[in-house]
C-alpha atoms as a PDB file:
ATOM      1  CA  UNK A   1     -37.281 112.951-151.620  1.00  0.00           C
ATOM      2  CA  UNK A   2     -34.594 115.240-152.458  1.00  0.00           C
ATOM      3  CA  UNK A   3     -32.909 114.616-155.997  1.00  0.00           C
ATOM      4  CA  UNK A   4     -29.525 116.511-155.773  1.00  0.00           C
ATOM      5  CA  UNK A   5     -30.857 118.353-158.370  1.00  0.00           C
ATOM      6  CA  UNK A   6     -27.466 120.685-158.754  1.00  0.00           C
ATOM      7  CA  UNK A   7     -25.091 117.434-159.339  1.00  0.00           C
ATOM      8  CA  UNK A   8     -27.807 115.779-161.278  1.00  0.00           C
ATOM      9  CA  UNK A   9     -28.479 118.725-163.771  1.00  0.00           C
ATOM     10  CA  UNK A  10     -24.866 119.205-164.123  1.00  0.00           C
ATOM     11  CA  UNK A  11     -24.124 115.030-164.430  1.00  0.00           C
ATOM     12  CA  UNK A  12     -26.277 115.602-167.222  1.00  0.00           C
ATOM     13  CA  UNK A  13     -24.837 119.155-168.638  1.00  0.00           C
ATOM     14  CA  UNK A  14     -21.513 116.225-168.753  1.00  0.00           C
ATOM     15  CA  UNK A  15     -22.683 114.249-170.357  1.00  0.00           C
ATOM     16  CA  UNK A  16     -24.352 115.900-173.273  1.00  0.00           C
ATOM     17  CA  UNK A  17     -21.065 117.771-173.675  1.00  0.00           C
ATOM     18  CA  UNK A  18     -19.233 114.151-174.536  1.00  0.00           C
ATOM     19  CA  UNK A  19     -22.110 112.431-176.835  1.00  0.00           C
ATOM     20  CA  UNK A  20     -21.617 116.007-178.646  1.00  0.00           C
ATOM     21  CA  UNK A  21     -18.416 115.927-178.808  1.00  0.00           C
ATOM     22  CA  UNK A  22     -18.169 112.200-179.853  1.00  0.00           C
ATOM     23  CA  UNK A  23     -21.044 113.776-182.437  1.00  0.00           C
ATOM     24  CA  UNK A  24     -19.199 116.071-184.121  1.00  0.00           C
ATOM     25  CA  UNK A  25     -16.353 114.225-184.648  1.00  0.00           C
ATOM     26  CA  UNK A  26     -17.862 111.778-186.238  1.00  0.00           C
ATOM     27  CA  UNK A  27     -18.943 113.833-188.144  1.00  0.00           C
ATOM     28  CA  UNK A  28     -15.486 115.997-189.341  1.00  0.00           C
ATOM     29  CA  UNK A  29     -13.381 112.398-190.245  1.00  0.00           C
ATOM     30  CA  UNK A  30     -16.180 109.886-190.750  1.00  0.00           C
ATOM     31  CA  UNK A  31     -17.548 107.467-188.983  1.00  0.00           C
ATOM     32  CA  UNK A  32     -14.828 104.478-189.623  1.00  0.00           C
ATOM     33  CA  UNK A  33     -12.169 106.796-189.418  1.00  0.00           C
ATOM     34  CA  UNK A  34     -12.834 107.908-186.177  1.00  0.00           C
ATOM     35  CA  UNK A  35     -13.563 104.402-184.671  1.00  0.00           C
ATOM     36  CA  UNK A  36      -9.835 103.076-185.867  1.00  0.00           C
ATOM     37  CA  UNK A  37      -8.649 106.298-184.395  1.00  0.00           C
ATOM     38  CA  UNK A  38      -9.716 105.406-180.756  1.00  0.00           C
ATOM     39  CA  UNK A  39      -9.479 101.520-181.911  1.00  0.00           C
ATOM     40  CA  UNK A  40      -5.637 101.198-182.486  1.00  0.00           C
ATOM     41  CA  UNK A  41      -3.917  98.640-179.782  1.00  0.00           C
ATOM     42  CA  UNK A  42      -2.706  99.947-176.381  1.00  0.00           C
ATOM     43  CA  UNK A  43      -1.046  96.781-175.118  1.00  0.00           C
ATOM     44  CA  UNK A  44      -2.318  93.436-173.192  1.00  0.00           C
ATOM     45  CA  UNK A  45      -3.014  95.326-170.067  1.00  0.00           C
ATOM     46  CA  UNK A  46      -5.591  97.706-171.934  1.00  0.00           C
ATOM     47  CA  UNK A  47      -6.732  94.385-173.430  1.00  0.00           C
ATOM     48  CA  UNK A  48      -7.795  92.662-170.103  1.00  0.00           C
ATOM     49  CA  UNK A  49      -8.270  95.571-168.751  1.00  0.00           C
ATOM     50  CA  UNK A  50     -11.107  96.704-171.077  1.00  0.00           C
ATOM     51  CA  UNK A  51     -12.439  93.479-171.409  1.00  0.00           C
ATOM     52  CA  UNK A  52     -13.333  93.319-168.249  1.00  0.00           C
ATOM     53  CA  UNK A  53     -13.957  96.490-167.077  1.00  0.00           C
ATOM     54  CA  UNK A  54     -16.930  96.503-170.089  1.00  0.00           C
ATOM     55  CA  UNK A  55     -19.008  94.461-167.798  1.00  0.00           C
ATOM     56  CA  UNK A  56     -20.031  97.738-165.767  1.00  0.00           C
ATOM     57  CA  UNK A  57     -22.387  98.044-168.448  1.00  0.00           C
ATOM     58  CA  UNK A  58     -23.598  94.935-168.132  1.00  0.00           C
ATOM     59  CA  UNK A  59     -27.230  94.386-167.373  1.00  0.00           C
ATOM     60  CA  UNK A  60     -26.508  92.420-164.833  1.00  0.00           C
ATOM     61  CA  UNK A  61     -25.016  95.513-162.578  1.00  0.00           C
ATOM     62  CA  UNK A  62     -28.468  97.148-162.353  1.00  0.00           C
ATOM     63  CA  UNK A  63     -28.247  94.611-158.730  1.00  0.00           C
ATOM     64  CA  UNK A  64     -25.168  96.424-157.929  1.00  0.00           C
ATOM     65  CA  UNK A  65     -26.981  99.399-158.284  1.00  0.00           C
ATOM     66  CA  UNK A  66     -30.160  98.207-156.207  1.00  0.00           C
ATOM     67  CA  UNK A  67     -27.633  97.059-153.366  1.00  0.00           C
ATOM     68  CA  UNK A  68     -26.426 101.005-153.486  1.00  0.00           C
ATOM     69  CA  UNK A  69     -29.789 102.324-152.918  1.00  0.00           C
ATOM     70  CA  UNK A  70     -30.774  99.883-150.097  1.00  0.00           C
ATOM     71  CA  UNK A  71     -27.466 100.414-148.773  1.00  0.00           C
ATOM     72  CA  UNK A  72     -27.766 104.234-148.492  1.00  0.00           C
ATOM     73  CA  UNK A  73     -31.291 103.531-146.964  1.00  0.00           C
ATOM     74  CA  UNK A  74     -33.232 104.788-150.681  1.00  0.00           C
ATOM     75  CA  UNK A  75     -35.898 102.236-150.436  1.00  0.00           C
ATOM     76  CA  UNK A  76     -38.829 105.066-151.441  1.00  0.00           C
ATOM     77  CA  UNK A  77     -36.185 105.237-154.737  1.00  0.00           C
ATOM     78  CA  UNK A  78     -35.993 102.018-155.472  1.00  0.00           C
ATOM     79  CA  UNK A  79     -39.120 102.263-157.873  1.00  0.00           C
ATOM     80  CA  UNK A  80     -36.929 104.663-159.714  1.00  0.00           C
ATOM     81  CA  UNK A  81     -34.583 102.469-160.230  1.00  0.00           C
ATOM     82  CA  UNK A  82     -37.049  99.812-161.729  1.00  0.00           C
ATOM     83  CA  UNK A  83     -38.400 102.915-164.120  1.00  0.00           C
ATOM     84  CA  UNK A  84     -34.490 103.036-164.685  1.00  0.00           C
ATOM     85  CA  UNK A  85     -34.349  99.698-166.292  1.00  0.00           C
ATOM     86  CA  UNK A  86     -36.908  99.496-167.789  1.00  0.00           C
ATOM     87  CA  UNK A  87     -36.714 102.365-170.042  1.00  0.00           C
ATOM     88  CA  UNK A  88     -33.475 101.914-171.037  1.00  0.00           C
ATOM     89  CA  UNK A  89     -33.884  98.399-171.774  1.00  0.00           C
ATOM     90  CA  UNK A  90     -37.028  99.239-174.238  1.00  0.00           C
ATOM     91  CA  UNK A  91     -35.279 102.378-175.657  1.00  0.00           C
ATOM     92  CA  UNK A  92     -31.875 100.684-176.345  1.00  0.00           C
ATOM     93  CA  UNK A  93     -33.242  97.313-177.398  1.00  0.00           C
ATOM     94  CA  UNK A  94     -36.638  99.058-179.482  1.00  0.00           C
ATOM     95  CA  UNK A  95     -33.325 100.928-181.828  1.00  0.00           C
ATOM     96  CA  UNK A  96     -30.988  97.936-181.855  1.00  0.00           C
ATOM     97  CA  UNK A  97     -33.046  95.063-182.315  1.00  0.00           C
ATOM     98  CA  UNK A  98     -36.637  96.870-184.472  1.00  0.00           C
ATOM     99  CA  UNK A  99     -35.839 100.274-185.542  1.00  0.00           C
ATOM    100  CA  UNK A 100     -32.511 100.141-186.710  1.00  0.00           C
ATOM    101  CA  UNK A 101     -31.976  95.786-186.399  1.00  0.00           C
ATOM    102  CA  UNK A 102     -29.195  95.613-189.266  1.00  0.00           C
ATOM    103  CA  UNK A 103     -27.236  98.475-188.191  1.00  0.00           C
ATOM    104  CA  UNK A 104     -23.735  97.313-188.962  1.00  0.00           C
ATOM    105  CA  UNK A 105     -20.993  96.877-186.911  1.00  0.00           C
ATOM    106  CA  UNK A 106     -17.251  97.950-187.322  1.00  0.00           C
ATOM    107  CA  UNK A 107     -16.385  94.465-188.163  1.00  0.00           C
ATOM    108  CA  UNK A 108     -18.861  94.389-190.809  1.00  0.00           C
ATOM    109  CA  UNK A 109     -19.020  97.852-192.236  1.00  0.00           C
ATOM    110  CA  UNK A 110     -14.854  98.447-192.144  1.00  0.00           C
ATOM    111  CA  UNK A 111     -13.501  96.188-195.300  1.00  0.00           C
ATOM    112  CA  UNK A 112      -9.652  95.281-194.286  1.00  0.00           C
ATOM    113  CA  UNK A 113     -10.619  93.396-191.056  1.00  0.00           C
ATOM    114  CA  UNK A 114      -6.987  94.097-191.004  1.00  0.00           C
ATOM    115  CA  UNK A 115      -7.118  97.589-189.790  1.00  0.00           C
ATOM    116  CA  UNK A 116      -9.700  96.540-186.486  1.00  0.00           C
ATOM    117  CA  UNK A 117      -7.562  95.816-182.932  1.00  0.00           C
ATOM    118  CA  UNK A 118      -9.307  93.068-181.553  1.00  0.00           C
ATOM    119  CA  UNK A 119      -9.162  91.324-177.761  1.00  0.00           C
ATOM    120  CA  UNK A 120      -9.031  87.881-177.852  1.00  0.00           C
ATOM    121  CA  UNK A 121     -11.635  85.725-176.166  1.00  0.00           C
ATOM    122  CA  UNK A 122     -13.941  88.847-177.215  1.00  0.00           C
ATOM    123  CA  UNK A 123     -16.736  87.617-179.344  1.00  0.00           C
ATOM    124  CA  UNK A 124     -17.118  90.549-181.826  1.00  0.00           C
ATOM    125  CA  UNK A 125     -21.268  91.235-182.898  1.00  0.00           C
ATOM    126  CA  UNK A 126     -21.509  92.294-186.452  1.00  0.00           C
ATOM    127  CA  UNK A 127     -24.771  94.340-186.127  1.00  0.00           C
ATOM    128  CA  UNK A 128     -27.711  96.059-184.371  1.00  0.00           C
ATOM    129  CA  UNK A 129     -24.951  98.373-183.518  1.00  0.00           C
ATOM    130  CA  UNK A 130     -26.988 101.478-182.082  1.00  0.00           C
ATOM    131  CA  UNK A 131     -26.918 102.625-179.911  1.00  0.00           C
ATOM    132  CA  UNK A 132     -24.465 101.106-177.290  1.00  0.00           C
ATOM    133  CA  UNK A 133     -26.428  99.456-174.813  1.00  0.00           C
ATOM    134  CA  UNK A 134     -23.876  99.288-172.305  1.00  0.00           C
ATOM    135  CA  UNK A 135     -23.296 102.576-172.414  1.00  0.00           C
ATOM    136  CA  UNK A 136     -26.981 103.523-172.212  1.00  0.00           C
ATOM    137  CA  UNK A 137     -26.178 101.449-168.257  1.00  0.00           C
ATOM    138  CA  UNK A 138     -23.238 102.837-167.261  1.00  0.00           C
ATOM    139  CA  UNK A 139     -24.391 106.623-167.951  1.00  0.00           C
ATOM    140  CA  UNK A 140     -27.566 105.842-166.552  1.00  0.00           C
ATOM    141  CA  UNK A 141     -25.823 104.417-163.099  1.00  0.00           C
ATOM    142  CA  UNK A 142     -23.872 107.682-163.082  1.00  0.00           C
ATOM    143  CA  UNK A 143     -26.878 109.976-163.807  1.00  0.00           C
ATOM    144  CA  UNK A 144     -28.313 107.938-160.362  1.00  0.00           C
ATOM    145  CA  UNK A 145     -25.523 108.103-158.754  1.00  0.00           C
ATOM    146  CA  UNK A 146     -25.804 112.183-158.953  1.00  0.00           C
ATOM    147  CA  UNK A 147     -28.907 111.851-157.503  1.00  0.00           C
ATOM    148  CA  UNK A 148     -28.656 109.257-154.365  1.00  0.00           C
ATOM    149  CA  UNK A 149     -24.804 110.623-153.374  1.00  0.00           C
ATOM    150  CA  UNK A 150     -24.821 113.952-151.467  1.00  0.00           C
ATOM    151  CA  UNK A 151     -21.302 115.038-152.785  1.00  0.00           C
ATOM    152  CA  UNK A 152     -20.095 117.061-155.298  1.00  0.00           C
ATOM    153  CA  UNK A 153     -17.616 115.202-156.603  1.00  0.00           C
ATOM    154  CA  UNK A 154     -20.024 111.939-157.288  1.00  0.00           C
ATOM    155  CA  UNK A 155     -20.745 114.572-160.930  1.00  0.00           C
ATOM    156  CA  UNK A 156     -16.885 114.878-161.580  1.00  0.00           C
ATOM    157  CA  UNK A 157     -15.221 111.362-160.664  1.00  0.00           C
ATOM    158  CA  UNK A 158     -18.356 109.320-161.533  1.00  0.00           C
ATOM    159  CA  UNK A 159     -18.170 110.261-165.240  1.00  0.00           C
ATOM    160  CA  UNK A 160     -15.106 108.556-165.386  1.00  0.00           C
ATOM    161  CA  UNK A 161     -15.787 104.750-165.396  1.00  0.00           C
ATOM    162  CA  UNK A 162     -18.954 105.568-167.207  1.00  0.00           C
ATOM    163  CA  UNK A 163     -16.910 107.189-170.133  1.00  0.00           C
ATOM    164  CA  UNK A 164     -14.246 104.552-169.824  1.00  0.00           C
ATOM    165  CA  UNK A 165     -17.207 101.773-170.120  1.00  0.00           C
ATOM    166  CA  UNK A 166     -18.384 103.834-173.210  1.00  0.00           C
ATOM    167  CA  UNK A 167     -14.475 103.850-174.589  1.00  0.00           C
ATOM    168  CA  UNK A 168     -14.255 100.144-173.881  1.00  0.00           C
ATOM    169  CA  UNK A 169     -17.174  99.410-176.325  1.00  0.00           C
ATOM    170  CA  UNK A 170     -15.161 101.238-178.865  1.00  0.00           C
ATOM    171  CA  UNK A 171     -11.484  99.557-178.215  1.00  0.00           C
ATOM    172  CA  UNK A 172     -13.374  96.006-177.949  1.00  0.00           C
ATOM    173  CA  UNK A 173     -14.251  96.653-181.837  1.00  0.00           C
ATOM    174  CA  UNK A 174     -18.091  96.245-180.844  1.00  0.00           C
ATOM    175  CA  UNK A 175     -19.124  99.537-181.527  1.00  0.00           C
ATOM    176  CA  UNK A 176     -18.225 102.971-183.149  1.00  0.00           C
ATOM    177  CA  UNK A 177     -18.039 106.341-180.797  1.00  0.00           C
ATOM    178  CA  UNK A 178     -21.683 107.279-182.150  1.00  0.00           C
ATOM    179  CA  UNK A 179     -23.109 104.315-180.785  1.00  0.00           C
ATOM    180  CA  UNK A 180     -21.891 105.565-177.571  1.00  0.00           C
ATOM    181  CA  UNK A 181     -22.936 108.894-177.814  1.00  0.00           C
ATOM    182  CA  UNK A 182     -26.073 107.649-178.732  1.00  0.00           C
ATOM    183  CA  UNK A 183     -25.745 105.504-175.509  1.00  0.00           C
ATOM    184  CA  UNK A 184     -25.424 108.594-173.086  1.00  0.00           C
ATOM    185  CA  UNK A 185     -28.267 109.989-175.176  1.00  0.00           C
ATOM    186  CA  UNK A 186     -30.202 107.174-174.189  1.00  0.00           C
ATOM    187  CA  UNK A 187     -29.147 107.531-170.977  1.00  0.00           C
ATOM    188  CA  UNK A 188     -30.328 110.758-170.502  1.00  0.00           C
ATOM    189  CA  UNK A 189     -33.375 110.801-171.709  1.00  0.00           C
ATOM    190  CA  UNK A 190     -34.679 107.549-169.597  1.00  0.00           C
ATOM    191  CA  UNK A 191     -33.372 109.079-166.434  1.00  0.00           C
ATOM    192  CA  UNK A 192     -35.231 112.049-166.532  1.00  0.00           C
ATOM    193  CA  UNK A 193     -37.925 109.820-167.722  1.00  0.00           C
ATOM    194  CA  UNK A 194     -37.253 108.235-164.749  1.00  0.00           C
ATOM    195  CA  UNK A 195     -37.835 111.094-162.344  1.00  0.00           C
ATOM    196  CA  UNK A 196     -40.965 112.413-164.129  1.00  0.00           C
ATOM    197  CA  UNK A 197     -42.341 109.287-163.574  1.00  0.00           C
ATOM    198  CA  UNK A 198     -41.522 108.731-160.387  1.00  0.00           C
ATOM    199  CA  UNK A 199     -42.246 112.292-159.162  1.00  0.00           C
ATOM    200  CA  UNK A 200     -45.647 111.994-160.899  1.00  0.00           C
ATOM    201  CA  UNK A 201     -46.721 108.482-159.080  1.00  0.00           C
ATOM    202  CA  UNK A 202     -45.487 110.299-155.911  1.00  0.00           C
ATOM    203  CA  UNK A 203     -48.216 113.402-156.479  1.00  0.00           C
ATOM    204  CA  UNK A 204     -50.668 111.020-157.295  1.00  0.00           C
ATOM    205  CA  UNK A 205     -50.326 109.066-153.942  1.00  0.00           C
ATOM    206  CA  UNK A 206     -49.878 112.397-152.126  1.00  0.00           C
ATOM    207  CA  UNK A 207     -53.377 113.446-153.788  1.00  0.00           C
ATOM    208  CA  UNK A 208     -54.903 110.092-152.642  1.00  0.00           C
ATOM    209  CA  UNK A 209     -53.797 110.912-149.157  1.00  0.00           C
ATOM    210  CA  UNK A 210     -55.269 114.026-149.258  1.00  0.00           C
ATOM    211  CA  UNK A 211     -58.722 112.905-150.101  1.00  0.00           C
ATOM    212  CA  UNK A 212     -58.817 110.169-147.562  1.00  0.00           C
ATOM    213  CA  UNK A 213     -57.745 112.896-144.702  1.00  0.00           C
END
């Protein structure tokens, strides 16, 4: 199985750079200040766009990823997708609802609610802020795309929708930038773990075949 390893490495590097930048700026400006800087109202068109674009990081989009694997005849690699779904779910949900279950989201953490831009019709959550699950899913999709597509431009262009999903979580007042950074880190960890698990299973199968022969 070819993982297009160069593309995958570049995808990890670009994702890591974004996560580090978000963390550093959060440390410099402060959690609330950085959020308010990115949460500014960009107009009705942006409200409408991000309200729906954020759904690209929704869990149901794993089905779209599955269809891409099938379309590109990556049948054996579907197991890789299963590992990705399992690991991202475990990691993100464990932090959100066990380790950091009461971590306040922007609407609860910031006292002056008038400073926060919200989009009408979007339900605002108050706790379980870290990490951003949508960002975890979006960047996992991006890193998997680096694997299944034999095209270097996927590395450069594919990160744009993933980044927009991450930004949408801040724009919609659902997460802090540091939550987005956490989601990116979780995606990197889960993608790499998925590959290691898949390769370990493949080696196990090859050994069994060798013993049978």
